[in-house]
Each structure stands twice: as structure tokens, then as C-alpha cells.
Amino acid sequence: MRSRRSARQRGQTLLVFALGFALFLFSLTCLVADSAYLFVWSGRVQSAAQLGAQSGADAVDPRYLYNATGSCPAGTAQGVVCAVQIVDISPQDREGTLYAFQRACIEAADQSAQIPRDAAHPLVVKTADDPQVPEGTACASDGCRVYAEVARVVHLPIPLPGFPDTITVRGAGYAAPVVGTNVATSTCTGIAWVPAPPPR
């Protein structure tokens, strides 16, 4: 009688161990697959943010090339003439609510990060005129440099039960325009620029 009971208990222990080990392997497989997928997408989103910032920095104000002067920021003494900013942030070059540098930045980053217009059509990529939240690109400039931030919602290939099946991956990029000259000089503010994320 005792040997049958101990044999049954050994069988139950083996079954519980096998089920527990299978659950552990499944969880480990999910974790490895999701981590690899997120690693790939984080690299893509970071590259898209850098590309967006570089594309925005390419939007050089043509008036800058001809040493034109423009309006000075508020708080500047009267009678002072200010140079035009190198990045095109002039109001007359706005198209809708976007400056020229923002349009170039958003279009390049959205295309590179493959940000879908909507969930129903995942192969149709957003344009600069589409809303850029909850996923999309935000660009800002101080007139000298461009900051781009890209957010992409990634659907995990094997989500763990009880955890979210999507994660937002973010990337940030910074760039400054380069204009041909025979002397390497700083043409902007001359002070260190501390990048700040654009408002969302």
C-alpha cells in the first residue's frame, strides 16, 4: 500500500516539475524574443530621430547665406540689427502650423521609423500634416540647431500573459546645419546649447 502511494507521489512530483519547467521555458522564450524585437526597434527609432534632426537642419534660411538681417528677439535693445537665424524658422516660410525645418524633420523621421497613419492601414506611413501623437515625430529648433524626438508604438511578437502587448520606443537626435565657408567659426549664439525636448 505504501509503495503505491509513494509511486503516485513521485509521479505527481515529476508532472508538476515538468509543467513548471515548460512554463519557465515558455516565459524565457517570450522574454528573449520580445527583448530582441525591442532592441531592433530601438535602434531603428534612434536612427530615425537622428535622420529627422539632420533633415530639419538642412532647411537653411536662404537669407542667412546673403547676410540678411531680421527682427531681433524680444528684450533686445532698440537700434540693434540681428542676423537671420541659420535654421529656417521665419514665419513667412511656414506652411500651415509647421516651419520648413519641422516639415522636413517630421517627414524624414516618420518615413524612416515606418510610423503608420492608423492601425487599420499599417503600411500607410504618416505625413507631416498628420497628428504626431501618440506616436510620431516632434521637432524643435533654437534657430541654430534642431532637436527631433520620435515615438513608435511597437507590438511585441510574443507578449507575456498578464503584461501589455505594446511598448512605446523613443529616440532623440540632435543636428546643426553646416554651411560652406573657408573659416571654421561658430555662427550662432556662441554659448553652449542645452537641448530641450520639443513640446508635445
C-alpha atoms as a PDB file:
ATOM      1  CA  MET A   1       0.000   0.000   0.000  1.00  0.00           C
ATOM      2  CA  ARG A   2       2.799   2.344   0.926  1.00  0.00           C
ATOM      3  CA  SER A   3       4.809   1.672  -2.221  1.00  0.00           C
ATOM      4  CA  ARG A   4       1.798   2.506  -4.441  1.00  0.00           C
ATOM      5  CA  ARG A   5       1.258   5.819  -2.609  1.00  0.00           C
ATOM      6  CA  SER A   6       4.941   6.827  -2.882  1.00  0.00           C
ATOM      7  CA  ALA A   7       4.997   5.853  -6.558  1.00  0.00           C
ATOM      8  CA  ARG A   8       1.920   8.048  -7.149  1.00  0.00           C
ATOM      9  CA  GLN A   9       3.551  10.940  -5.274  1.00  0.00           C
ATOM     10  CA  ARG A  10       6.715  10.556  -7.316  1.00  0.00           C
ATOM     11  CA  GLY A  11       4.606  10.651 -10.480  1.00  0.00           C
ATOM     12  CA  GLN A  12       2.812  13.786  -9.290  1.00  0.00           C
ATOM     13  CA  THR A  13       6.089  15.483  -8.426  1.00  0.00           C
ATOM     14  CA  LEU A  14       7.505  14.678 -11.830  1.00  0.00           C
ATOM     15  CA  LEU A  15       4.360  16.013 -13.548  1.00  0.00           C
ATOM     16  CA  VAL A  16       4.384  19.260 -11.525  1.00  0.00           C
ATOM     17  CA  PHE A  17       8.101  19.701 -12.236  1.00  0.00           C
ATOM     18  CA  ALA A  18       7.583  19.099 -15.983  1.00  0.00           C
ATOM     19  CA  LEU A  19       4.715  21.615 -16.168  1.00  0.00           C
ATOM     20  CA  GLY A  20       6.669  24.188 -14.155  1.00  0.00           C
ATOM     21  CA  PHE A  21       9.744  23.753 -16.340  1.00  0.00           C
ATOM     22  CA  ALA A  22       7.642  24.083 -19.523  1.00  0.00           C
ATOM     23  CA  LEU A  23       6.125  27.312 -18.175  1.00  0.00           C
ATOM     24  CA  PHE A  24       9.606  28.602 -17.326  1.00  0.00           C
ATOM     25  CA  LEU A  25      10.884  27.809 -20.856  1.00  0.00           C
ATOM     26  CA  PHE A  26       7.851  29.496 -22.435  1.00  0.00           C
ATOM     27  CA  SER A  27       8.385  32.636 -20.325  1.00  0.00           C
ATOM     28  CA  LEU A  28      12.092  32.686 -21.154  1.00  0.00           C
ATOM     29  CA  THR A  29      11.346  32.320 -24.872  1.00  0.00           C
ATOM     30  CA  CYS A  30       8.852  35.207 -24.686  1.00  0.00           C
ATOM     31  CA  LEU A  31      11.343  37.380 -22.844  1.00  0.00           C
ATOM     32  CA  VAL A  32      14.189  36.681 -25.276  1.00  0.00           C
ATOM     33  CA  ALA A  33      12.014  37.218 -28.374  1.00  0.00           C
ATOM     34  CA  ASP A  34      10.485  40.444 -27.048  1.00  0.00           C
ATOM     35  CA  SER A  35      13.861  41.795 -25.908  1.00  0.00           C
ATOM     36  CA  ALA A  36      15.437  41.136 -29.301  1.00  0.00           C
ATOM     37  CA  TYR A  37      12.482  42.749 -31.073  1.00  0.00           C
ATOM     38  CA  LEU A  38      12.646  45.838 -28.835  1.00  0.00           C
ATOM     39  CA  PHE A  39      16.414  46.080 -29.339  1.00  0.00           C
ATOM     40  CA  VAL A  40      15.957  46.162 -33.126  1.00  0.00           C
ATOM     41  CA  TRP A  41      13.161  48.744 -32.946  1.00  0.00           C
ATOM     42  CA  SER A  42      15.031  50.973 -30.510  1.00  0.00           C
ATOM     43  CA  GLY A  43      17.912  51.152 -32.989  1.00  0.00           C
ATOM     44  CA  ARG A  44      15.532  51.954 -35.851  1.00  0.00           C
ATOM     45  CA  VAL A  45      13.772  54.681 -33.883  1.00  0.00           C
ATOM     46  CA  GLN A  46      17.068  56.226 -32.742  1.00  0.00           C
ATOM     47  CA  SER A  47      18.324  56.264 -36.343  1.00  0.00           C
ATOM     48  CA  ALA A  48      15.037  57.816 -37.485  1.00  0.00           C
ATOM     49  CA  ALA A  49      15.354  60.577 -34.876  1.00  0.00           C
ATOM     50  CA  GLN A  50      18.900  61.364 -35.983  1.00  0.00           C
ATOM     51  CA  LEU A  51      17.862  61.370 -39.649  1.00  0.00           C
ATOM     52  CA  GLY A  52      14.929  63.659 -38.823  1.00  0.00           C
ATOM     53  CA  ALA A  53      17.185  66.134 -36.989  1.00  0.00           C
ATOM     54  CA  GLN A  54      19.667  66.138 -39.873  1.00  0.00           C
ATOM     55  CA  SER A  55      16.883  66.665 -42.415  1.00  0.00           C
ATOM     56  CA  GLY A  56      15.499  69.541 -40.352  1.00  0.00           C
ATOM     57  CA  ALA A  57      18.961  71.089 -40.078  1.00  0.00           C
ATOM     58  CA  ASP A  58      19.216  71.006 -43.878  1.00  0.00           C
ATOM     59  CA  ALA A  59      16.419  73.607 -44.028  1.00  0.00           C
ATOM     60  CA  VAL A  60      18.817  76.570 -44.095  1.00  0.00           C
ATOM     61  CA  ASP A  61      17.227  80.007 -44.406  1.00  0.00           C
ATOM     62  CA  PRO A  62      18.429  81.386 -47.783  1.00  0.00           C
ATOM     63  CA  ARG A  63      18.549  84.903 -46.333  1.00  0.00           C
ATOM     64  CA  TYR A  64      21.282  83.689 -43.958  1.00  0.00           C
ATOM     65  CA  LEU A  65      23.523  82.892 -46.917  1.00  0.00           C
ATOM     66  CA  TYR A  66      23.317  86.527 -48.065  1.00  0.00           C
ATOM     67  CA  ASN A  67      23.955  88.047 -44.614  1.00  0.00           C
ATOM     68  CA  ALA A  68      20.432  89.427 -44.407  1.00  0.00           C
ATOM     69  CA  THR A  69      19.173  90.969 -41.197  1.00  0.00           C
ATOM     70  CA  GLY A  70      15.906  90.277 -39.475  1.00  0.00           C
ATOM     71  CA  SER A  71      13.872  91.118 -36.432  1.00  0.00           C
ATOM     72  CA  CYS A  72      15.600  90.716 -33.073  1.00  0.00           C
ATOM     73  CA  PRO A  73      14.217  88.660 -30.197  1.00  0.00           C
ATOM     74  CA  ALA A  74      12.157  90.420 -27.545  1.00  0.00           C
ATOM     75  CA  GLY A  75      14.283  92.147 -24.932  1.00  0.00           C
ATOM     76  CA  THR A  76      16.993  93.258 -27.382  1.00  0.00           C
ATOM     77  CA  ALA A  77      17.959  96.941 -27.251  1.00  0.00           C
ATOM     78  CA  GLN A  78      16.402  99.155 -29.919  1.00  0.00           C
ATOM     79  CA  GLY A  79      18.506 100.048 -32.910  1.00  0.00           C
ATOM     80  CA  VAL A  80      20.363  96.715 -32.829  1.00  0.00           C
ATOM     81  CA  VAL A  81      20.430  94.758 -36.079  1.00  0.00           C
ATOM     82  CA  CYS A  82      20.215  90.991 -35.745  1.00  0.00           C
ATOM     83  CA  ALA A  83      21.330  88.381 -38.249  1.00  0.00           C
ATOM     84  CA  VAL A  84      18.830  85.906 -39.637  1.00  0.00           C
ATOM     85  CA  GLN A  85      18.907  82.516 -37.902  1.00  0.00           C
ATOM     86  CA  ILE A  86      20.601  79.749 -39.890  1.00  0.00           C
ATOM     87  CA  VAL A  87      17.708  77.266 -39.489  1.00  0.00           C
ATOM     88  CA  ASP A  88      14.641  78.455 -41.379  1.00  0.00           C
ATOM     89  CA  ILE A  89      12.287  79.485 -38.578  1.00  0.00           C
ATOM     90  CA  SER A  90      10.894  82.577 -40.283  1.00  0.00           C
ATOM     91  CA  PRO A  91       7.107  82.992 -40.082  1.00  0.00           C
ATOM     92  CA  GLN A  92       6.734  83.724 -43.807  1.00  0.00           C
ATOM     93  CA  ASP A  93       8.072  80.256 -44.652  1.00  0.00           C
ATOM     94  CA  ARG A  94       5.500  78.434 -42.521  1.00  0.00           C
ATOM     95  CA  GLU A  95       3.169  76.074 -44.269  1.00  0.00           C
ATOM     96  CA  GLY A  96       0.142  75.624 -42.061  1.00  0.00           C
ATOM     97  CA  THR A  97       1.351  75.203 -38.491  1.00  0.00           C
ATOM     98  CA  LEU A  98       4.802  73.880 -39.435  1.00  0.00           C
ATOM     99  CA  TYR A  99       8.048  75.657 -40.189  1.00  0.00           C
ATOM    100  CA  ALA A 100      10.117  74.421 -43.140  1.00  0.00           C
ATOM    101  CA  PHE A 101      12.588  72.625 -40.844  1.00  0.00           C
ATOM    102  CA  GLN A 102       9.738  70.882 -38.960  1.00  0.00           C
ATOM    103  CA  ARG A 103       8.163  69.603 -42.165  1.00  0.00           C
ATOM    104  CA  ALA A 104      11.488  68.163 -43.380  1.00  0.00           C
ATOM    105  CA  CYS A 105      12.281  66.698 -39.951  1.00  0.00           C
ATOM    106  CA  ILE A 106       8.866  65.050 -39.454  1.00  0.00           C
ATOM    107  CA  GLU A 107       8.622  63.599 -42.955  1.00  0.00           C
ATOM    108  CA  ALA A 108      12.103  62.056 -42.833  1.00  0.00           C
ATOM    109  CA  ALA A 109      11.709  60.614 -39.333  1.00  0.00           C
ATOM    110  CA  ASP A 110       8.178  59.255 -39.880  1.00  0.00           C
ATOM    111  CA  GLN A 111       9.272  57.532 -43.096  1.00  0.00           C
ATOM    112  CA  SER A 112      12.404  56.104 -41.517  1.00  0.00           C
ATOM    113  CA  ALA A 113      10.627  54.813 -38.391  1.00  0.00           C
ATOM    114  CA  GLN A 114       7.748  53.455 -40.517  1.00  0.00           C
ATOM    115  CA  ILE A 115       5.143  55.115 -38.311  1.00  0.00           C
ATOM    116  CA  PRO A 116       1.698  54.032 -39.542  1.00  0.00           C
ATOM    117  CA  ARG A 117      -1.057  56.558 -40.174  1.00  0.00           C
ATOM    118  CA  ASP A 118      -3.576  54.372 -38.336  1.00  0.00           C
ATOM    119  CA  ALA A 119      -3.937  50.836 -37.033  1.00  0.00           C
ATOM    120  CA  ALA A 120      -6.335  49.849 -39.831  1.00  0.00           C
ATOM    121  CA  HIS A 121      -3.708  50.588 -42.511  1.00  0.00           C
ATOM    122  CA  PRO A 122      -0.294  49.745 -41.017  1.00  0.00           C
ATOM    123  CA  LEU A 123       1.519  50.062 -44.363  1.00  0.00           C
ATOM    124  CA  VAL A 124       0.395  53.663 -44.960  1.00  0.00           C
ATOM    125  CA  VAL A 125       3.014  55.923 -43.348  1.00  0.00           C
ATOM    126  CA  LYS A 126       2.199  59.241 -41.646  1.00  0.00           C
ATOM    127  CA  THR A 127       2.927  62.551 -43.333  1.00  0.00           C
ATOM    128  CA  ALA A 128       3.905  65.848 -41.731  1.00  0.00           C
ATOM    129  CA  ASP A 129       0.271  67.021 -41.758  1.00  0.00           C
ATOM    130  CA  ASP A 130      -0.996  64.028 -39.745  1.00  0.00           C
ATOM    131  CA  PRO A 131      -1.286  64.261 -35.942  1.00  0.00           C
ATOM    132  CA  GLN A 132       2.004  63.135 -34.404  1.00  0.00           C
ATOM    133  CA  VAL A 133       0.635  61.725 -31.126  1.00  0.00           C
ATOM    134  CA  PRO A 134       0.663  59.161 -29.524  1.00  0.00           C
ATOM    135  CA  GLU A 135       3.313  58.017 -31.979  1.00  0.00           C
ATOM    136  CA  GLY A 136       5.151  60.251 -34.361  1.00  0.00           C
ATOM    137  CA  THR A 137       7.852  62.910 -34.525  1.00  0.00           C
ATOM    138  CA  ALA A 138       8.254  66.215 -32.700  1.00  0.00           C
ATOM    139  CA  CYS A 139      10.905  68.710 -33.819  1.00  0.00           C
ATOM    140  CA  ALA A 140      12.164  71.940 -32.264  1.00  0.00           C
ATOM    141  CA  SER A 141      14.887  74.459 -33.067  1.00  0.00           C
ATOM    142  CA  ASP A 142      16.516  77.450 -31.441  1.00  0.00           C
ATOM    143  CA  GLY A 143      17.461  78.825 -34.856  1.00  0.00           C
ATOM    144  CA  CYS A 144      20.906  77.221 -34.714  1.00  0.00           C
ATOM    145  CA  ARG A 145      20.266  73.533 -34.098  1.00  0.00           C
ATOM    146  CA  VAL A 146      17.451  71.032 -34.490  1.00  0.00           C
ATOM    147  CA  TYR A 147      16.181  68.538 -31.917  1.00  0.00           C
ATOM    148  CA  ALA A 148      13.993  65.605 -33.009  1.00  0.00           C
ATOM    149  CA  GLU A 149      12.152  63.126 -30.838  1.00  0.00           C
ATOM    150  CA  VAL A 150      10.487  60.043 -32.331  1.00  0.00           C
ATOM    151  CA  ALA A 151       7.990  57.806 -30.547  1.00  0.00           C
ATOM    152  CA  ARG A 152       6.910  54.459 -32.049  1.00  0.00           C
ATOM    153  CA  VAL A 153       4.416  52.018 -30.539  1.00  0.00           C
ATOM    154  CA  VAL A 154       5.813  48.505 -31.009  1.00  0.00           C
ATOM    155  CA  HIS A 155       3.622  45.410 -30.825  1.00  0.00           C
ATOM    156  CA  LEU A 156       5.525  42.596 -29.125  1.00  0.00           C
ATOM    157  CA  PRO A 157       5.761  39.336 -31.102  1.00  0.00           C
ATOM    158  CA  ILE A 158       5.101  37.051 -28.097  1.00  0.00           C
ATOM    159  CA  PRO A 159       3.617  39.098 -25.240  1.00  0.00           C
ATOM    160  CA  LEU A 160       3.801  37.599 -21.778  1.00  0.00           C
ATOM    161  CA  PRO A 161       0.348  36.785 -20.416  1.00  0.00           C
ATOM    162  CA  GLY A 162      -0.786  39.449 -17.983  1.00  0.00           C
ATOM    163  CA  PHE A 163       1.573  42.117 -19.382  1.00  0.00           C
ATOM    164  CA  PRO A 164       0.956  44.779 -22.066  1.00  0.00           C
ATOM    165  CA  ASP A 165       1.372  43.670 -25.682  1.00  0.00           C
ATOM    166  CA  THR A 166       2.667  47.080 -26.842  1.00  0.00           C
ATOM    167  CA  ILE A 167       5.573  49.256 -25.719  1.00  0.00           C
ATOM    168  CA  THR A 168       6.424  52.792 -26.820  1.00  0.00           C
ATOM    169  CA  VAL A 169      10.030  53.100 -28.011  1.00  0.00           C
ATOM    170  CA  ARG A 170      11.556  56.599 -28.104  1.00  0.00           C
ATOM    171  CA  GLY A 171      14.607  58.062 -29.780  1.00  0.00           C
ATOM    172  CA  ALA A 172      16.154  61.537 -29.799  1.00  0.00           C
ATOM    173  CA  GLY A 173      18.515  63.178 -32.275  1.00  0.00           C
ATOM    174  CA  TYR A 174      20.362  66.493 -32.500  1.00  0.00           C
ATOM    175  CA  ALA A 175      21.864  68.199 -35.541  1.00  0.00           C
ATOM    176  CA  ALA A 176      23.205  71.567 -36.663  1.00  0.00           C
ATOM    177  CA  PRO A 177      23.368  72.879 -40.216  1.00  0.00           C
ATOM    178  CA  VAL A 178      26.698  73.139 -41.959  1.00  0.00           C
ATOM    179  CA  VAL A 179      27.165  75.970 -44.420  1.00  0.00           C
ATOM    180  CA  GLY A 180      30.212  76.235 -46.662  1.00  0.00           C
ATOM    181  CA  THR A 181      32.893  78.697 -45.611  1.00  0.00           C
ATOM    182  CA  ASN A 182      36.655  78.920 -45.666  1.00  0.00           C
ATOM    183  CA  VAL A 183      36.920  79.599 -41.901  1.00  0.00           C
ATOM    184  CA  ALA A 184      35.605  77.357 -39.149  1.00  0.00           C
ATOM    185  CA  THR A 185      33.651  79.710 -36.929  1.00  0.00           C
ATOM    186  CA  SER A 186      30.608  79.437 -34.731  1.00  0.00           C
ATOM    187  CA  THR A 187      27.821  81.369 -36.387  1.00  0.00           C
ATOM    188  CA  CYS A 188      25.169  81.014 -33.727  1.00  0.00           C
ATOM    189  CA  THR A 189      24.849  82.138 -30.168  1.00  0.00           C
ATOM    190  CA  GLY A 190      28.410  81.346 -29.100  1.00  0.00           C
ATOM    191  CA  ILE A 191      27.148  79.751 -25.898  1.00  0.00           C
ATOM    192  CA  ALA A 192      26.649  76.106 -25.092  1.00  0.00           C
ATOM    193  CA  TRP A 193      23.295  74.837 -26.303  1.00  0.00           C
ATOM    194  CA  VAL A 194      21.436  72.610 -23.901  1.00  0.00           C
ATOM    195  CA  PRO A 195      18.881  70.671 -25.928  1.00  0.00           C
ATOM    196  CA  ALA A 196      15.353  70.532 -24.609  1.00  0.00           C
ATOM    197  CA  PRO A 197      12.682  68.205 -25.892  1.00  0.00           C
ATOM    198  CA  PRO A 198      10.054  69.799 -28.114  1.00  0.00           C
ATOM    199  CA  PRO A 199       6.623  70.333 -26.587  1.00  0.00           C
ATOM    200  CA  ARG A 200       4.165  67.520 -27.277  1.00  0.00           C
END
